[in-house]
C-alpha atoms as a PDB file:
ATOM      1  CA  MET A   1      91.436 119.814  91.199  1.00  0.00           C
ATOM      2  CA  GLU A   2      93.833 118.105  88.838  1.00  0.00           C
ATOM      3  CA  THR A   3      92.603 114.972  87.026  1.00  0.00           C
ATOM      4  CA  PHE A   4      94.680 112.327  85.234  1.00  0.00           C
ATOM      5  CA  THR A   5      93.315 109.439  83.181  1.00  0.00           C
ATOM      6  CA  PHE A   6      95.050 106.191  82.224  1.00  0.00           C
ATOM      7  CA  ARG A   7      94.057 103.129  80.233  1.00  0.00           C
ATOM      8  CA  ILE A   8      95.233 100.074  82.167  1.00  0.00           C
ATOM      9  CA  GLN A   9      95.353  96.592  80.687  1.00  0.00           C
ATOM     10  CA  GLY A  10      93.573  94.095  82.890  1.00  0.00           C
ATOM     11  CA  SER A  11      92.316  90.575  82.372  1.00  0.00           C
ATOM     12  CA  GLN A  12      89.744  91.641  79.773  1.00  0.00           C
ATOM     13  CA  GLU A  13      90.552  92.467  76.165  1.00  0.00           C
ATOM     14  CA  GLU A  14      89.355  96.064  76.544  1.00  0.00           C
ATOM     15  CA  PRO A  15      91.579  98.153  78.858  1.00  0.00           C
ATOM     16  CA  TYR A  16      90.097  99.703  81.981  1.00  0.00           C
ATOM     17  CA  GLU A  17      90.054 103.431  82.501  1.00  0.00           C
ATOM     18  CA  VAL A  18      91.523 104.666  85.764  1.00  0.00           C
ATOM     19  CA  ALA A  19      91.011 108.313  86.653  1.00  0.00           C
ATOM     20  CA  ILE A  20      92.761 109.985  89.537  1.00  0.00           C
ATOM     21  CA  SER A  21      91.830 113.420  90.851  1.00  0.00           C
ATOM     22  CA  LEU A  22      94.026 115.299  93.291  1.00  0.00           C
ATOM     23  CA  SER A  23      93.382 118.401  95.279  1.00  0.00           C
ATOM     24  CA  GLU A  24      94.970 119.723  98.445  1.00  0.00           C
ATOM     25  CA  GLU A  25      92.179 118.152 100.485  1.00  0.00           C
ATOM     26  CA  ALA A  26      91.455 114.896  98.693  1.00  0.00           C
ATOM     27  CA  LEU A  27      92.562 112.073  96.467  1.00  0.00           C
ATOM     28  CA  LYS A  28      89.840 110.396  94.421  1.00  0.00           C
ATOM     29  CA  ILE A  29      90.427 107.436  92.147  1.00  0.00           C
ATOM     30  CA  THR A  30      88.013 105.439  89.986  1.00  0.00           C
ATOM     31  CA  CYS A  31      88.336 102.414  87.737  1.00  0.00           C
ATOM     32  CA  THR A  32      85.944 100.960  85.197  1.00  0.00           C
ATOM     33  CA  CYS A  33      86.718  97.332  86.128  1.00  0.00           C
ATOM     34  CA  LYS A  34      84.014  95.296  87.891  1.00  0.00           C
ATOM     35  CA  ALA A  35      85.536  95.753  91.369  1.00  0.00           C
ATOM     36  CA  GLY A  36      86.402  99.400  90.835  1.00  0.00           C
ATOM     37  CA  SER A  37      82.967 100.288  89.532  1.00  0.00           C
ATOM     38  CA  VAL A  38      81.421  99.222  92.865  1.00  0.00           C
ATOM     39  CA  GLY A  39      83.932 101.216  94.902  1.00  0.00           C
ATOM     40  CA  GLN A  40      86.442  98.486  95.750  1.00  0.00           C
ATOM     41  CA  PHE A  41      90.140  99.226  95.615  1.00  0.00           C
ATOM     42  CA  CYS A  42      91.396  97.190  92.655  1.00  0.00           C
ATOM     43  CA  LYS A  43      94.876  96.314  91.425  1.00  0.00           C
ATOM     44  CA  HIS A  44      94.427  98.734  88.504  1.00  0.00           C
ATOM     45  CA  LYS A  45      94.074 101.664  90.904  1.00  0.00           C
ATOM     46  CA  MET A  46      97.135 100.480  92.823  1.00  0.00           C
ATOM     47  CA  SER A  47      99.188 100.230  89.625  1.00  0.00           C
ATOM     48  CA  VAL A  48      98.389 103.874  88.826  1.00  0.00           C
ATOM     49  CA  LEU A  49      99.203 105.024  92.369  1.00  0.00           C
ATOM     50  CA  ASN A  50     102.527 103.181  92.133  1.00  0.00           C
ATOM     51  CA  GLY A  51     103.309 104.657  88.700  1.00  0.00           C
ATOM     52  CA  ASP A  52     103.563 101.198  87.122  1.00  0.00           C
ATOM     53  CA  THR A  53     104.253 101.781  83.423  1.00  0.00           C
ATOM     54  CA  SER A  54     103.977  98.046  82.639  1.00  0.00           C
ATOM     55  CA  ALA A  55     100.249  98.254  83.400  1.00  0.00           C
ATOM     56  CA  LEU A  56      99.605 100.870  80.721  1.00  0.00           C
ATOM     57  CA  ALA A  57      97.571  99.714  77.739  1.00  0.00           C
ATOM     58  CA  GLU A  58      98.621 102.826  75.860  1.00  0.00           C
ATOM     59  CA  ARG A  59     100.561 105.970  76.466  1.00  0.00           C
ATOM     60  CA  GLY A  60      98.350 108.942  77.088  1.00  0.00           C
ATOM     61  CA  LYS A  61      98.885 112.608  77.654  1.00  0.00           C
ATOM     62  CA  ASP A  62      99.284 112.058  81.391  1.00  0.00           C
ATOM     63  CA  ASP A  63     102.514 110.705  82.859  1.00  0.00           C
ATOM     64  CA  ILE A  64     101.839 107.746  85.142  1.00  0.00           C
ATOM     65  CA  GLN A  65     105.361 107.884  86.587  1.00  0.00           C
ATOM     66  CA  GLY A  66     104.625 111.270  88.141  1.00  0.00           C
ATOM     67  CA  ILE A  67     101.606 110.031  90.100  1.00  0.00           C
ATOM     68  CA  PRO A  68     103.510 108.622  93.113  1.00  0.00           C
ATOM     69  CA  LYS A  69     105.080 112.036  93.733  1.00  0.00           C
ATOM     70  CA  LEU A  70     101.656 113.678  93.683  1.00  0.00           C
ATOM     71  CA  VAL A  71     100.153 111.072  95.999  1.00  0.00           C
ATOM     72  CA  TYR A  72     103.067 111.365  98.440  1.00  0.00           C
ATOM     73  CA  ASN A  73     101.581 114.489  99.985  1.00  0.00           C
ATOM     74  CA  THR A  74      98.210 112.881 100.694  1.00  0.00           C
ATOM     75  CA  GLU A  75      96.956 110.755 103.578  1.00  0.00           C
ATOM     76  CA  ALA A  76      96.717 107.823 101.158  1.00  0.00           C
ATOM     77  CA  ILE A  77     100.490 107.312 101.045  1.00  0.00           C
ATOM     78  CA  ASN A  78     100.506 105.914 104.594  1.00  0.00           C
ATOM     79  CA  VAL A  79      97.801 103.410 103.743  1.00  0.00           C
ATOM     80  CA  ILE A  80      99.532 102.428 100.494  1.00  0.00           C
ATOM     81  CA  LYS A  81     102.739 101.722 102.423  1.00  0.00           C
ATOM     82  CA  LYS A  82     100.828  99.621 104.961  1.00  0.00           C
ATOM     83  CA  ILE A  83      99.204  97.637 102.130  1.00  0.00           C
ATOM     84  CA  GLU A  84     102.595  97.015 100.547  1.00  0.00           C
ATOM     85  CA  ASP A  85     104.027  95.915 103.905  1.00  0.00           C
ATOM     86  CA  ALA A  86     101.049  93.602 104.473  1.00  0.00           C
ATOM     87  CA  GLU A  87     101.506  92.077 101.000  1.00  0.00           C
ATOM     88  CA  LYS A  88     105.185  91.384 101.797  1.00  0.00           C
ATOM     89  CA  ASP A  89     104.167  89.812 105.111  1.00  0.00           C
ATOM     90  CA  ILE A  90     101.573  87.638 103.371  1.00  0.00           C
ATOM     91  CA  GLU A  91     104.153  86.464 100.825  1.00  0.00           C
ATOM     92  CA  ALA A  92     106.624  85.596 103.600  1.00  0.00           C
ATOM     93  CA  LEU A  93     103.917  83.712 105.511  1.00  0.00           C
ATOM     94  CA  LYS A  94     102.958  81.750 102.388  1.00  0.00           C
ATOM     95  CA  LYS A  95     106.585  80.701 101.899  1.00  0.00           C
ATOM     96  CA  SER A  96     106.821  79.694 105.556  1.00  0.00           C
ATOM     97  CA  GLN A  97     103.581  77.737 105.296  1.00  0.00           C
ATOM     98  CA  THR A  98     104.843  75.867 102.239  1.00  0.00           C
ATOM     99  CA  LEU A  99     108.095  74.956 103.986  1.00  0.00           C
ATOM    100  CA  LEU A 100     106.245  73.807 107.099  1.00  0.00           C
ATOM    101  CA  LYS A 101     103.889  71.635 105.047  1.00  0.00           C
ATOM    102  CA  LYS A 102     106.854  70.039 103.273  1.00  0.00           C
ATOM    103  CA  TYR A 103     108.547  69.420 106.595  1.00  0.00           C
ATOM    104  CA  LEU A 104     105.379  67.942 108.081  1.00  0.00           C
ATOM    105  CA  ALA A 105     104.988  65.665 105.058  1.00  0.00           C
ATOM    106  CA  ARG A 106     108.590  64.501 105.457  1.00  0.00           C
ATOM    107  CA  ILE A 107     108.331  63.735 109.174  1.00  0.00           C
ATOM    108  CA  THR A 108     104.971  61.996 108.875  1.00  0.00           C
ATOM    109  CA  SER A 109     105.839  59.744 105.935  1.00  0.00           C
END
């Protein structure tokens, strides 16, 4: 099992530590943030899975940009894509909602 560790800057002053372990059978990822420490899937974990260098608090020995290629061969990639699609849908619905509220305000004034 290969393990990679990254320090990710979150909302707190002290960066969170995200560790990702990959084997042929499994992908395991942990984060030291409040949500991650109770098993929830936090934005810090997602930033590592996406290879987001802007999230890094410091450069380490592990290359975050290589993580998406490693994850691509796991079952998790399908779920990650569905999450990303759902987030795009949510954003589009929020924009539509805002426009509809503005329109309703205009026609009821």
